[in-house]
Amino acid sequence: MSNTRLRSGAERSYPLPHAGPDARFTESLVNSVAAVLVGYGYPRIDCSADRAAFETTLGAFLYNALENRT
C-alpha cells in the first residue's frame, strides 16, 4: 500500500515497509502521540488495555504487517 497513488495525485507515505523491530517506535513516541491527543481534548490513556490498543493502532498506521507485504 505504500507509495500508492491517490485520486488527488499524491502518493502515500504510510504505512511503511516493516521488516522487524524499529528503534524509532519507542515508549516515548507512544507517550508523545498520546500527549498530543490529550492536548486536543481526547482522554488520557491510563488503562493498560487502552494503551495496548493504542500502540497496536499506531503501529498499524505506521507499518505494513509482515504478511501483507508484496
N, C-alpha and C. Protein backbone atom coordinates (compact mmCIF):
# COMPACT_ATOMS: atom_id res chain seq x y z
N MET A 1 0.81 -1.19 0.00
CA MET A 1 0.00 0.00 0.00
C MET A 1 0.86 1.25 0.00
N SER A 2 2.08 1.14 0.44
CA SER A 2 2.96 2.29 0.49
C SER A 2 3.19 2.81 -0.92
N ASN A 3 3.30 4.13 -1.04
CA ASN A 3 3.52 4.79 -2.32
C ASN A 3 2.39 4.54 -3.30
N THR A 4 1.18 4.36 -2.83
CA THR A 4 0.02 4.18 -3.68
C THR A 4 -0.49 5.55 -4.11
N ARG A 5 -0.75 5.71 -5.38
CA ARG A 5 -1.24 6.98 -5.90
C ARG A 5 -2.73 7.11 -5.58
N LEU A 6 -3.11 8.25 -5.00
CA LEU A 6 -4.50 8.52 -4.64
C LEU A 6 -5.17 9.32 -5.75
N ARG A 7 -6.48 9.49 -5.65
CA ARG A 7 -7.21 10.27 -6.65
C ARG A 7 -6.65 11.67 -6.82
N SER A 8 -6.16 12.27 -5.73
CA SER A 8 -5.64 13.63 -5.79
C SER A 8 -4.30 13.70 -6.51
N GLY A 9 -3.71 12.54 -6.82
CA GLY A 9 -2.41 12.52 -7.47
C GLY A 9 -1.26 12.42 -6.49
N ALA A 10 -1.54 12.59 -5.21
CA ALA A 10 -0.49 12.49 -4.19
C ALA A 10 -0.19 11.03 -3.92
N GLU A 11 1.06 10.75 -3.59
CA GLU A 11 1.44 9.39 -3.23
C GLU A 11 1.46 9.24 -1.72
N ARG A 12 1.04 8.08 -1.26
CA ARG A 12 1.02 7.81 0.18
C ARG A 12 2.43 7.54 0.69
N SER A 13 2.68 7.96 1.93
CA SER A 13 3.94 7.68 2.59
C SER A 13 3.79 6.57 3.62
N TYR A 14 2.57 6.32 4.07
CA TYR A 14 2.29 5.34 5.11
C TYR A 14 1.27 4.34 4.59
N PRO A 15 1.31 3.12 5.05
CA PRO A 15 2.22 2.53 6.01
C PRO A 15 3.58 2.25 5.39
N LEU A 16 4.58 2.23 6.26
CA LEU A 16 5.96 1.97 5.86
C LEU A 16 6.18 0.46 5.76
N PRO A 17 7.14 0.04 4.93
CA PRO A 17 7.53 -1.37 4.95
C PRO A 17 8.04 -1.72 6.34
N HIS A 18 7.74 -2.88 6.82
CA HIS A 18 8.14 -3.26 8.18
C HIS A 18 8.77 -4.64 8.16
N ALA A 19 10.07 -4.67 8.40
CA ALA A 19 10.78 -5.94 8.36
C ALA A 19 11.22 -6.42 9.73
N GLY A 20 10.83 -5.71 10.77
CA GLY A 20 11.23 -6.12 12.12
C GLY A 20 11.21 -4.93 13.05
N PRO A 21 11.82 -5.08 14.20
CA PRO A 21 11.80 -4.00 15.20
C PRO A 21 12.36 -2.69 14.64
N ASP A 22 11.76 -1.60 15.02
CA ASP A 22 12.18 -0.27 14.59
C ASP A 22 12.52 0.54 15.84
N ALA A 23 13.75 0.96 15.97
CA ALA A 23 14.22 1.68 17.15
C ALA A 23 13.48 3.00 17.37
N ARG A 24 12.82 3.52 16.34
CA ARG A 24 12.07 4.78 16.48
C ARG A 24 10.74 4.58 17.19
N PHE A 25 10.21 3.35 17.16
CA PHE A 25 8.92 3.07 17.78
C PHE A 25 9.16 2.76 19.26
N THR A 26 9.20 3.80 20.07
CA THR A 26 9.55 3.68 21.48
C THR A 26 8.37 4.06 22.36
N GLU A 27 8.53 3.79 23.64
CA GLU A 27 7.53 4.22 24.62
C GLU A 27 7.40 5.74 24.60
N SER A 28 8.51 6.42 24.40
CA SER A 28 8.50 7.88 24.33
C SER A 28 7.67 8.38 23.15
N LEU A 29 7.79 7.72 22.00
CA LEU A 29 6.97 8.10 20.84
C LEU A 29 5.50 7.92 21.14
N VAL A 30 5.14 6.76 21.70
CA VAL A 30 3.74 6.49 22.04
C VAL A 30 3.23 7.53 23.04
N ASN A 31 4.03 7.85 24.05
CA ASN A 31 3.63 8.85 25.04
C ASN A 31 3.46 10.22 24.40
N SER A 32 4.35 10.58 23.49
CA SER A 32 4.26 11.88 22.82
C SER A 32 3.00 12.00 21.97
N VAL A 33 2.70 10.96 21.21
CA VAL A 33 1.49 10.99 20.38
C VAL A 33 0.25 11.04 21.27
N ALA A 34 0.25 10.27 22.35
CA ALA A 34 -0.87 10.31 23.30
C ALA A 34 -1.03 11.69 23.90
N ALA A 35 0.08 12.35 24.22
CA ALA A 35 0.02 13.70 24.80
C ALA A 35 -0.57 14.71 23.81
N VAL A 36 -0.25 14.56 22.54
CA VAL A 36 -0.84 15.44 21.53
C VAL A 36 -2.35 15.25 21.50
N LEU A 37 -2.81 14.03 21.56
CA LEU A 37 -4.26 13.77 21.57
C LEU A 37 -4.92 14.39 22.80
N VAL A 38 -4.29 14.27 23.96
CA VAL A 38 -4.82 14.89 25.18
C VAL A 38 -4.91 16.41 24.98
N GLY A 39 -3.91 16.98 24.34
CA GLY A 39 -3.92 18.42 24.06
C GLY A 39 -5.09 18.86 23.19
N TYR A 40 -5.62 17.93 22.40
CA TYR A 40 -6.78 18.23 21.56
C TYR A 40 -8.09 17.83 22.23
N GLY A 41 -8.01 17.47 23.51
CA GLY A 41 -9.23 17.20 24.26
C GLY A 41 -9.62 15.74 24.37
N TYR A 42 -8.81 14.83 23.83
CA TYR A 42 -9.11 13.41 23.96
C TYR A 42 -8.70 12.95 25.36
N PRO A 43 -9.34 11.89 25.88
CA PRO A 43 -8.99 11.43 27.23
C PRO A 43 -7.58 10.84 27.29
N ARG A 44 -6.99 10.92 28.49
CA ARG A 44 -5.68 10.30 28.73
C ARG A 44 -5.79 8.78 28.58
N ILE A 45 -4.69 8.17 28.20
CA ILE A 45 -4.64 6.72 28.08
C ILE A 45 -4.04 6.19 29.38
N ASP A 46 -4.92 5.86 30.33
CA ASP A 46 -4.49 5.41 31.65
C ASP A 46 -4.64 3.91 31.85
N CYS A 47 -5.55 3.29 31.17
CA CYS A 47 -5.85 1.86 31.31
C CYS A 47 -4.88 1.05 30.43
N SER A 48 -4.35 -0.04 30.97
CA SER A 48 -3.38 -0.84 30.21
C SER A 48 -4.00 -1.42 28.93
N ALA A 49 -5.28 -1.75 28.95
CA ALA A 49 -5.93 -2.27 27.74
C ALA A 49 -6.02 -1.18 26.67
N ASP A 50 -6.33 0.05 27.08
CA ASP A 50 -6.36 1.17 26.12
C ASP A 50 -4.97 1.43 25.56
N ARG A 51 -3.97 1.36 26.42
CA ARG A 51 -2.59 1.60 25.99
C ARG A 51 -2.17 0.55 24.96
N ALA A 52 -2.48 -0.70 25.22
CA ALA A 52 -2.13 -1.77 24.28
C ALA A 52 -2.83 -1.56 22.94
N ALA A 53 -4.11 -1.20 22.98
CA ALA A 53 -4.86 -0.95 21.75
C ALA A 53 -4.30 0.26 21.00
N PHE A 54 -3.91 1.29 21.74
CA PHE A 54 -3.33 2.49 21.12
C PHE A 54 -2.02 2.16 20.43
N GLU A 55 -1.14 1.40 21.10
CA GLU A 55 0.13 1.02 20.49
C GLU A 55 -0.09 0.17 19.24
N THR A 56 -1.05 -0.74 19.30
CA THR A 56 -1.36 -1.59 18.15
C THR A 56 -1.87 -0.76 16.98
N THR A 57 -2.75 0.19 17.28
CA THR A 57 -3.32 1.04 16.24
C THR A 57 -2.26 1.95 15.62
N LEU A 58 -1.41 2.53 16.45
CA LEU A 58 -0.34 3.38 15.95
C LEU A 58 0.61 2.57 15.07
N GLY A 59 0.95 1.38 15.53
CA GLY A 59 1.81 0.51 14.74
C GLY A 59 1.18 0.13 13.41
N ALA A 60 -0.13 -0.12 13.41
CA ALA A 60 -0.84 -0.48 12.18
C ALA A 60 -0.85 0.69 11.19
N PHE A 61 -0.95 1.92 11.71
CA PHE A 61 -0.89 3.08 10.83
C PHE A 61 0.51 3.23 10.23
N LEU A 62 1.53 3.05 11.06
CA LEU A 62 2.90 3.29 10.62
C LEU A 62 3.47 2.21 9.71
N TYR A 63 3.12 0.96 9.95
CA TYR A 63 3.79 -0.15 9.29
C TYR A 63 2.84 -1.12 8.59
N ASN A 64 3.29 -1.62 7.45
CA ASN A 64 2.60 -2.75 6.81
C ASN A 64 2.85 -3.98 7.66
N ALA A 65 1.86 -4.79 7.83
CA ALA A 65 2.05 -6.07 8.52
C ALA A 65 2.93 -6.95 7.64
N LEU A 66 3.76 -7.76 8.27
CA LEU A 66 4.66 -8.63 7.50
C LEU A 66 3.91 -9.49 6.50
N GLU A 67 2.76 -10.02 6.88
CA GLU A 67 2.02 -10.90 5.99
C GLU A 67 1.32 -10.16 4.86
N ASN A 68 1.23 -8.82 4.92
CA ASN A 68 0.57 -8.05 3.87
C ASN A 68 1.53 -7.43 2.87
N ARG A 69 2.83 -7.63 3.07
CA ARG A 69 3.81 -7.03 2.15
C ARG A 69 3.81 -7.77 0.83
N THR A 70 4.02 -7.00 -0.23
CA THR A 70 4.12 -7.61 -1.57
C THR A 70 5.43 -7.27 -2.21
